[in-house]
Amino acid sequence: MTVDAEQLGEHVPIVLVIDDCEDVHRLLTARLRNEAMELVCEISGEVGLERIHQLQPSLVVLDLEMPGMDGFEVLRRMKDDISTSDIPVVVLSGMQSPNDKVTAFDLGAVDYITKPFDLMELRVRLRAALKMRHLIQMLAQRAQIDGLTGLWNRAHFDERWSEEVKRAERSGSPLSLAVFDLDHFKQVNDTYGHPAGDAVLQGVARLLQQVARQADVACRYGGEEFVVIMPDTPPEQALNLCERVRVALSDTDWPGKPSREVTISAGVAGSNGPTSTGRDEWIEIADKNLYRAKSQGRNRACMTHVGGAGPRLADAG
């Protein structure tokens, strides 16, 4: 059975069954059809491992005795790969030796069910494994969310930006990065107090969420600085997004502060195609363009293609 990940419901967990017995596939497909999960079945360890990387399932149900690559090797390779090491594995096997169970748990399995199995017990254990996976993901996600603005934080940006740079290098697809910095933000805090400054930061965050596309990643970089990762986006389109943010913020009326205009400057680094530019160099280029926007009078956005030159970022206010 083959299923395209894009065809699966966004919130429906994918459970990948790797077992060389097609009778097990048919049984699980029939008996678990009413469960809140999408079942994908493969009959070999080699193909199953490929599908793990392709689908990034929420849970793997793994047989141990298979020709070719056995379940122990699949489990070992999964846990040695950082991209799949967090995916929980429930072993479903006819091997009942305590040594086999200990080995499976040592390799990283979260549960071990022996054949023949009770379907009700299997259903409950799969639910428990999926629930634990969901809770762990929620905790990990909350650890990467900025408490004030609700945007992703610096830790999430660092992780996601590295991934997007590598993806663009492999695929040759466009990629853009925008760095935003509020103009004279210290004056807002000094004049109206930190609660007013916090309200401005939250307003900027809401604006970024409204303007950014679903594929874009908006983060609070630190202080009054924000970043937006824009996959598959040429720099000219990224500059247009920055302009929409800049104009909308400049036109915003802040409750209780009718005479105060809040503005923002932005720097964009972008590529239309293949580039070998490193992740840190991308950020430096965007920073240089942010400095250029500041030095040219603020409340503007500046852009260059990756590989261009520009002044170094300084504390321009």
Protein backbone atom coordinates (compact mmCIF):
# COMPACT_ATOMS: atom_id res chain seq x y z
CA MET A 1 0.00 0.00 0.00
CA THR A 2 1.43 3.36 -0.97
CA VAL A 3 0.20 6.72 0.26
CA ASP A 4 1.48 10.17 -0.67
CA ALA A 5 2.11 12.18 2.49
CA GLU A 6 0.48 15.24 0.91
CA GLN A 7 -2.73 13.27 0.46
CA LEU A 8 -2.94 12.48 4.15
CA GLY A 9 -4.85 14.74 6.50
CA GLU A 10 -2.57 17.31 8.12
CA HIS A 11 -3.55 16.32 11.64
CA VAL A 12 -3.97 12.58 11.07
CA PRO A 13 -0.97 10.64 12.39
CA ILE A 14 0.72 8.29 9.93
CA VAL A 15 1.45 4.81 11.26
CA LEU A 16 3.92 2.88 9.13
CA VAL A 17 3.76 -0.92 9.43
CA ILE A 18 6.89 -2.79 8.31
CA ASP A 19 6.18 -6.51 8.24
CA ASP A 20 6.89 -9.16 5.59
CA CYS A 21 3.52 -10.84 6.26
CA GLU A 22 0.78 -9.41 4.06
CA ASP A 23 -1.85 -11.15 6.22
CA VAL A 24 -0.76 -8.85 9.07
CA HIS A 25 -1.20 -5.88 6.72
CA ARG A 26 -4.73 -6.91 5.82
CA LEU A 27 -5.66 -7.64 9.41
CA LEU A 28 -4.39 -4.33 10.77
CA THR A 29 -5.89 -2.35 7.88
CA ALA A 30 -9.30 -3.91 8.53
CA ARG A 31 -9.29 -3.74 12.32
CA LEU A 32 -7.76 -0.28 12.67
CA ARG A 33 -9.76 1.43 9.94
CA ASN A 34 -11.88 3.32 12.49
CA GLU A 35 -8.90 4.56 14.46
CA ALA A 36 -7.67 8.16 14.14
CA MET A 37 -4.62 7.15 12.13
CA GLU A 38 -3.56 6.55 8.53
CA LEU A 39 -1.98 3.13 8.02
CA VAL A 40 0.83 2.66 5.50
CA CYS A 41 2.24 -0.87 5.03
CA GLU A 42 5.53 -2.12 3.59
CA ILE A 43 6.83 -5.70 3.38
CA SER A 44 10.62 -5.21 3.61
CA GLY A 45 13.04 -3.47 5.90
CA GLU A 46 14.86 -1.75 3.03
CA VAL A 47 11.71 -0.20 1.55
CA GLY A 48 10.32 0.48 5.00
CA LEU A 49 13.40 2.50 5.94
CA GLU A 50 13.03 4.55 2.76
CA ARG A 51 9.39 5.22 3.60
CA ILE A 52 10.33 6.33 7.10
CA HIS A 53 12.53 9.06 5.62
CA GLN A 54 9.91 9.97 3.03
CA LEU A 55 6.81 10.09 5.26
CA GLN A 56 8.29 10.94 8.67
CA PRO A 57 5.48 8.90 10.29
CA SER A 58 4.19 9.52 13.78
CA LEU A 59 4.75 5.85 14.69
CA VAL A 60 6.42 2.76 13.22
CA VAL A 61 5.11 -0.76 13.88
CA LEU A 62 8.05 -3.03 13.16
CA ASP A 63 8.49 -6.77 12.70
CA LEU A 64 11.92 -8.16 13.63
CA GLU A 65 12.15 -11.32 11.50
CA MET A 66 12.28 -10.23 7.86
CA PRO A 67 14.46 -11.37 4.94
CA GLY A 68 17.22 -9.01 3.94
CA MET A 69 17.31 -6.12 6.39
CA ASP A 70 15.73 -7.34 9.62
CA GLY A 71 13.87 -5.22 12.15
CA PHE A 72 16.87 -4.83 14.44
CA GLU A 73 18.85 -3.20 11.63
CA VAL A 74 15.93 -0.94 10.68
CA LEU A 75 15.63 0.15 14.31
CA ARG A 76 19.37 0.68 14.62
CA ARG A 77 19.54 2.86 11.50
CA MET A 78 16.50 4.86 12.56
CA LYS A 79 17.96 5.71 15.94
CA ASP A 80 21.40 6.53 14.48
CA ASP A 81 19.85 9.10 12.10
CA ILE A 82 18.96 12.43 13.70
CA SER A 83 16.11 12.94 11.20
CA THR A 84 14.31 9.76 12.35
CA SER A 85 15.65 9.10 15.84
CA ASP A 86 12.64 10.69 17.57
CA ILE A 87 10.03 8.55 15.76
CA PRO A 88 8.65 5.99 18.25
CA VAL A 89 8.80 2.31 17.29
CA VAL A 90 6.47 -0.43 18.54
CA VAL A 91 7.86 -3.88 17.86
CA LEU A 92 5.31 -6.46 16.68
CA SER A 93 7.12 -9.78 16.48
CA GLY A 94 6.90 -13.50 16.97
CA MET A 95 10.29 -13.46 18.70
CA GLN A 96 9.57 -13.95 22.41
CA SER A 97 13.08 -14.37 23.82
CA PRO A 98 13.88 -11.99 26.70
CA ASN A 99 17.21 -11.25 24.99
CA ASP A 100 15.40 -10.12 21.83
CA LYS A 101 13.13 -7.86 23.87
CA VAL A 102 16.06 -6.35 25.77
CA THR A 103 17.93 -5.75 22.50
CA ALA A 104 14.90 -4.03 20.94
CA PHE A 105 14.43 -1.76 23.95
CA ASP A 106 18.17 -0.99 24.08
CA LEU A 107 18.00 0.05 20.42
CA GLY A 108 15.17 2.47 21.21
CA ALA A 109 11.82 0.68 20.85
CA VAL A 110 9.06 2.13 23.06
CA ASP A 111 6.97 -1.06 23.25
CA TYR A 112 7.16 -4.74 22.36
CA ILE A 113 4.13 -6.83 21.40
CA THR A 114 4.44 -10.52 20.65
CA LYS A 115 2.58 -12.50 17.99
CA PRO A 116 -0.04 -13.81 18.09
CA PHE A 117 -1.40 -10.58 19.50
CA ASP A 118 -4.71 -9.45 20.96
CA LEU A 119 -6.19 -6.78 18.70
CA MET A 120 -7.73 -4.79 21.54
CA GLU A 121 -4.42 -4.72 23.38
CA LEU A 122 -2.59 -3.68 20.19
CA ARG A 123 -5.11 -0.89 19.57
CA VAL A 124 -4.69 0.47 23.10
CA ARG A 125 -0.89 0.34 22.94
CA LEU A 126 -0.80 2.12 19.60
CA ARG A 127 -3.08 4.83 20.97
CA ALA A 128 -0.81 5.24 23.99
CA ALA A 129 2.31 5.50 21.81
CA LEU A 130 0.66 8.09 19.57
CA LYS A 131 -0.57 10.09 22.55
CA MET A 132 2.91 10.14 24.07
CA ARG A 133 4.37 11.22 20.72
CA HIS A 134 1.86 14.07 20.52
CA LEU A 135 2.60 15.26 24.06
CA ILE A 136 6.35 15.21 23.46
CA GLN A 137 5.93 17.19 20.25
CA MET A 138 3.76 19.74 22.05
CA LEU A 139 6.39 20.21 24.75
CA ALA A 140 9.16 20.54 22.19
CA GLN A 141 7.14 23.07 20.22
CA ARG A 142 6.33 25.17 23.25
CA ALA A 143 10.02 25.29 24.11
CA GLN A 144 10.57 27.01 20.75
CA ILE A 145 7.82 29.63 21.00
CA ASP A 146 8.48 33.18 22.18
CA GLY A 147 6.35 33.80 25.25
CA LEU A 148 5.59 37.47 24.51
CA THR A 149 4.75 37.43 20.82
CA GLY A 150 3.70 33.83 20.16
CA LEU A 151 6.12 33.63 17.23
CA TRP A 152 8.82 31.00 16.90
CA ASN A 153 11.91 31.92 18.93
CA ARG A 154 15.63 32.11 18.12
CA ALA A 155 16.22 28.42 18.84
CA HIS A 156 13.57 27.40 16.31
CA PHE A 157 14.94 29.85 13.77
CA ASP A 158 18.46 28.44 14.06
CA GLU A 159 17.19 24.90 13.50
CA ARG A 160 14.76 25.71 10.70
CA TRP A 161 17.10 28.07 8.88
CA SER A 162 19.82 25.41 8.68
CA GLU A 163 17.26 22.98 7.23
CA GLU A 164 16.02 25.45 4.60
CA VAL A 165 19.53 26.43 3.48
CA LYS A 166 20.42 22.75 3.01
CA ARG A 167 17.16 22.09 1.17
CA ALA A 168 17.75 25.01 -1.19
CA GLU A 169 21.29 23.80 -1.86
CA ARG A 170 20.01 20.34 -2.78
CA SER A 171 17.05 21.43 -4.89
CA GLY A 172 18.33 24.70 -6.34
CA SER A 173 15.03 26.33 -5.39
CA PRO A 174 14.68 30.03 -4.52
CA LEU A 175 15.09 31.09 -0.91
CA SER A 176 14.89 34.42 0.89
CA LEU A 177 15.53 35.69 4.40
CA ALA A 178 14.25 38.98 5.81
CA VAL A 179 15.54 40.62 9.00
CA PHE A 180 13.34 43.32 10.59
CA ASP A 181 14.29 45.81 13.29
CA LEU A 182 11.99 48.41 14.86
CA ASP A 183 13.26 51.98 14.47
CA HIS A 184 14.14 53.88 17.66
CA PHE A 185 12.37 51.27 19.75
CA LYS A 186 14.20 52.39 22.89
CA GLN A 187 12.35 55.71 22.67
CA VAL A 188 9.02 53.87 22.79
CA ASN A 189 10.01 52.13 26.02
CA ASP A 190 11.51 55.29 27.53
CA THR A 191 8.54 57.51 26.62
CA TYR A 192 5.57 55.23 27.18
CA GLY A 193 6.95 52.42 29.34
CA HIS A 194 7.75 48.78 28.74
CA PRO A 195 4.08 47.66 28.63
CA ALA A 196 3.63 49.92 25.60
CA GLY A 197 6.80 48.49 24.08
CA ASP A 198 5.49 44.96 24.63
CA ALA A 199 2.23 45.93 22.91
CA VAL A 200 4.20 47.15 19.90
CA LEU A 201 6.18 43.91 19.72
CA GLN A 202 2.96 41.92 19.87
CA GLY A 203 1.44 44.12 17.16
CA VAL A 204 4.42 43.51 14.88
CA ALA A 205 4.10 39.77 15.49
CA ARG A 206 0.41 39.80 14.53
CA LEU A 207 1.23 41.78 11.40
CA LEU A 208 3.95 39.33 10.35
CA GLN A 209 1.55 36.41 10.86
CA GLN A 210 -1.09 38.14 8.74
CA VAL A 211 1.25 39.02 5.88
CA ALA A 212 3.38 35.86 5.78
CA ARG A 213 2.27 32.86 3.73
CA GLN A 214 1.64 29.49 5.33
CA ALA A 215 5.04 28.23 4.15
CA ASP A 216 6.89 31.22 5.63
CA VAL A 217 8.45 31.02 9.08
CA ALA A 218 8.20 34.19 11.20
CA CYS A 219 10.39 34.32 14.32
CA ARG A 220 11.33 36.75 17.03
CA TYR A 221 15.10 36.91 16.70
CA GLY A 222 15.66 38.84 19.92
CA GLY A 223 14.72 42.18 21.45
CA GLU A 224 12.98 44.26 18.79
CA GLU A 225 14.36 42.20 15.91
CA PHE A 226 12.34 39.71 13.84
CA VAL A 227 13.17 37.35 10.97
CA VAL A 228 11.06 35.69 8.30
CA ILE A 229 12.27 32.63 6.39
CA MET A 230 10.65 32.44 2.95
CA PRO A 231 11.20 29.09 1.18
CA ASP A 232 10.73 28.95 -2.61
CA THR A 233 10.61 32.76 -2.69
CA PRO A 234 12.75 34.96 -4.99
CA PRO A 235 14.23 38.06 -3.32
CA GLU A 236 11.97 40.46 -5.22
CA GLN A 237 8.88 38.77 -3.75
CA ALA A 238 10.47 38.82 -0.30
CA LEU A 239 11.06 42.56 -0.69
CA ASN A 240 7.37 43.01 -1.52
CA LEU A 241 6.42 41.25 1.72
CA CYS A 242 8.73 43.56 3.66
CA GLU A 243 7.14 46.58 2.03
CA ARG A 244 3.66 45.41 3.02
CA VAL A 245 4.82 44.97 6.60
CA ARG A 246 6.54 48.35 6.65
CA VAL A 247 3.60 50.28 5.21
CA ALA A 248 1.02 48.53 7.40
CA LEU A 249 3.03 49.17 10.55
CA SER A 250 3.59 52.81 9.69
CA ASP A 251 -0.16 53.25 9.21
CA THR A 252 -1.06 51.55 12.50
CA ASP A 253 -2.78 53.65 15.16
CA TRP A 254 -1.60 52.61 18.63
CA PRO A 255 -4.26 52.98 21.34
CA GLY A 256 -3.46 55.85 23.70
CA LYS A 257 -0.43 56.93 21.63
CA PRO A 258 -1.98 58.92 18.73
CA SER A 259 1.12 61.02 18.09
CA ARG A 260 3.59 58.15 17.99
CA GLU A 261 4.38 56.56 14.63
CA VAL A 262 6.12 53.21 14.89
CA THR A 263 8.27 52.25 11.91
CA ILE A 264 10.42 49.31 10.97
CA SER A 265 13.42 48.70 8.72
CA ALA A 266 14.23 45.48 6.89
CA GLY A 267 17.10 43.78 5.12
CA VAL A 268 16.61 40.95 2.64
CA ALA A 269 19.00 38.31 1.34
CA GLY A 270 17.63 36.12 -1.41
CA SER A 271 18.51 33.73 -4.18
CA ASN A 272 16.66 32.82 -7.37
CA GLY A 273 18.38 29.48 -7.74
CA PRO A 274 21.34 27.30 -6.75
CA THR A 275 23.84 28.76 -4.30
CA SER A 276 26.53 27.36 -2.03
CA THR A 277 26.31 30.28 0.42
CA GLY A 278 26.50 29.14 4.04
CA ARG A 279 23.74 29.77 6.59
CA ASP A 280 25.75 32.38 8.53
CA GLU A 281 26.71 34.26 5.38
CA TRP A 282 23.03 34.53 4.44
CA ILE A 283 22.31 36.15 7.79
CA GLU A 284 25.27 38.51 7.42
CA ILE A 285 24.03 39.66 4.01
CA ALA A 286 20.53 40.32 5.35
CA ASP A 287 22.07 42.18 8.30
CA LYS A 288 24.12 44.35 5.96
CA ASN A 289 20.99 45.30 4.06
CA LEU A 290 19.23 46.09 7.33
CA TYR A 291 22.10 48.42 8.22
CA ARG A 292 21.81 50.03 4.78
CA ALA A 293 18.09 50.64 5.37
CA LYS A 294 18.89 52.21 8.75
CA SER A 295 21.66 54.40 7.38
CA GLN A 296 19.45 55.65 4.52
CA GLY A 297 16.85 57.05 6.89
CA ARG A 298 15.04 54.03 8.34
CA ASN A 299 11.45 52.98 7.59
CA ARG A 300 12.53 51.21 4.43
CA ALA A 301 13.62 47.81 3.13
CA CYS A 302 16.81 47.01 1.21
CA MET A 303 17.56 43.85 -0.73
CA THR A 304 20.43 42.19 -2.57
CA HIS A 305 20.84 38.78 -4.13
CA VAL A 306 23.00 36.37 -2.19
CA GLY A 307 26.63 36.98 -3.11
CA GLY A 308 26.33 40.76 -3.26
CA ALA A 309 28.30 43.12 -1.08
CA GLY A 310 27.14 45.65 1.47
CA PRO A 311 28.13 47.48 4.66
CA ARG A 312 28.49 45.54 7.89
CA LEU A 313 25.72 45.60 10.47
CA ALA A 314 26.25 48.11 13.28
CA ASP A 315 24.20 49.44 16.14
CA ALA A 316 22.27 52.02 14.10
CA GLY A 317 19.28 52.30 16.42
